[in-house]
Amino acid sequence: MVWLVAAALWGAAGWASVPTLQPALIGDRPEQAMPIIAFQMAAMYLDSAVGAAVGSSLLAAGAGAMGLVVWAVIPAGLTIVLAGWISVRALQLRRCRVVAVA
């Protein structure tokens, strides 16, 4: 029962990010909104498929529940590092644009 609640919360948190992420993605290029959103959704579905394949492979190899948690932390940590790098880079580019305009 605990796993069912945890999976529901995990899924809700993942899908709750979609409406907040899409305006951020199309903010600079509203004329390209449809392909940007299509690519973002395709990436989310690909991520879900890869996660399911890796998780089922780990379970088949004998990994326990704690092993799945450990393996899930690795891509989550890499995602946080990548998101931070992208955010810093975006801020640097915006500063360059402001300086160039001024």
Protein backbone atom coordinates (compact mmCIF):
# COMPACT_ATOMS: atom_id res chain seq x y z
CA MET A 1 0.00 0.00 0.00
CA VAL A 2 2.87 2.38 0.80
CA TRP A 3 4.32 1.82 -2.69
CA LEU A 4 0.99 2.68 -4.28
CA VAL A 5 0.78 5.99 -2.41
CA ALA A 6 4.44 6.74 -3.19
CA ALA A 7 3.90 6.00 -6.90
CA ALA A 8 0.80 8.21 -6.99
CA LEU A 9 2.66 11.10 -5.35
CA TRP A 10 5.65 10.64 -7.66
CA GLY A 11 3.41 10.62 -10.73
CA ALA A 12 1.44 13.65 -9.60
CA ALA A 13 4.64 15.59 -8.96
CA GLY A 14 6.02 14.67 -12.38
CA TRP A 15 2.90 15.61 -14.32
CA ALA A 16 2.32 18.75 -12.26
CA SER A 17 5.53 20.19 -13.70
CA VAL A 18 4.23 20.08 -17.30
CA PRO A 19 1.95 23.17 -17.19
CA THR A 20 4.60 25.24 -15.45
CA LEU A 21 7.42 24.13 -17.72
CA GLN A 22 5.71 24.76 -21.05
CA PRO A 23 5.37 28.57 -20.74
CA ALA A 24 9.02 28.75 -19.74
CA LEU A 25 10.01 26.73 -22.82
CA ILE A 26 8.03 28.84 -25.29
CA GLY A 27 8.57 32.23 -23.64
CA ASP A 28 11.29 33.37 -26.05
CA ARG A 29 9.83 31.70 -29.14
CA PRO A 30 6.01 31.77 -29.05
CA GLU A 31 5.81 31.28 -32.83
CA GLN A 32 7.42 27.84 -32.39
CA ALA A 33 5.23 26.75 -29.48
CA MET A 34 3.79 23.61 -31.07
CA PRO A 35 7.08 21.92 -32.06
CA ILE A 36 8.69 22.90 -28.76
CA ILE A 37 5.83 21.42 -26.71
CA ALA A 38 5.70 18.33 -28.95
CA PHE A 39 9.42 17.74 -28.42
CA GLN A 40 9.09 18.27 -24.67
CA MET A 41 6.22 15.78 -24.41
CA ALA A 42 8.05 13.24 -26.59
CA ALA A 43 11.07 13.55 -24.30
CA MET A 44 8.85 12.96 -21.25
CA TYR A 45 7.34 9.81 -22.77
CA LEU A 46 10.78 8.56 -23.83
CA ASP A 47 12.02 9.16 -20.29
CA SER A 48 9.11 7.16 -18.88
CA ALA A 49 9.80 4.28 -21.24
CA VAL A 50 13.52 4.22 -20.47
CA GLY A 51 12.82 4.39 -16.74
CA ALA A 52 10.41 1.48 -16.95
CA ALA A 53 12.89 -0.58 -18.98
CA VAL A 54 15.76 0.12 -16.59
CA GLY A 55 13.60 -0.48 -13.53
CA SER A 56 12.28 -3.80 -14.82
CA SER A 57 15.83 -4.86 -15.77
CA LEU A 58 17.03 -4.04 -12.27
CA LEU A 59 14.16 -5.99 -10.73
CA ALA A 60 14.87 -8.95 -13.01
CA ALA A 61 18.53 -8.81 -11.95
CA GLY A 62 17.46 -9.09 -8.32
CA ALA A 63 17.61 -5.50 -7.12
CA GLY A 64 15.44 -4.84 -4.11
CA ALA A 65 13.29 -1.82 -3.31
CA MET A 66 16.22 0.08 -1.79
CA GLY A 67 18.34 -0.71 -4.82
CA LEU A 68 15.74 0.91 -7.07
CA VAL A 69 15.81 4.03 -4.89
CA VAL A 70 19.60 4.24 -5.14
CA TRP A 71 19.50 3.81 -8.92
CA ALA A 72 16.76 6.45 -9.20
CA VAL A 73 18.83 9.00 -7.28
CA ILE A 74 21.62 8.89 -9.89
CA PRO A 75 19.62 10.30 -12.85
CA ALA A 76 17.74 12.63 -10.50
CA GLY A 77 21.03 14.11 -9.31
CA LEU A 78 22.31 14.44 -12.87
CA THR A 79 19.07 16.17 -13.82
CA ILE A 80 19.47 18.69 -11.00
CA VAL A 81 23.06 19.43 -12.06
CA LEU A 82 22.00 19.83 -15.71
CA ALA A 83 19.07 22.08 -14.81
CA GLY A 84 21.36 24.25 -12.69
CA TRP A 85 23.89 24.54 -15.52
CA ILE A 86 21.16 25.46 -18.01
CA SER A 87 19.77 28.09 -15.63
CA VAL A 88 23.18 29.68 -15.06
CA ARG A 89 23.87 29.68 -18.80
CA ALA A 90 20.49 31.27 -19.55
CA LEU A 91 21.16 34.03 -17.00
CA GLN A 92 24.57 34.68 -18.56
CA LEU A 93 23.03 34.97 -22.03
CA ARG A 94 20.34 37.36 -20.78
CA ARG A 95 22.99 39.57 -19.16
CA CYS A 96 24.91 39.65 -22.43
CA ARG A 97 21.76 40.72 -24.30
CA VAL A 98 21.02 43.49 -21.78
CA VAL A 99 24.60 44.81 -22.01
CA ALA A 100 24.50 44.65 -25.83
CA VAL A 101 21.20 46.58 -25.96
CA ALA A 102 22.32 49.24 -23.44
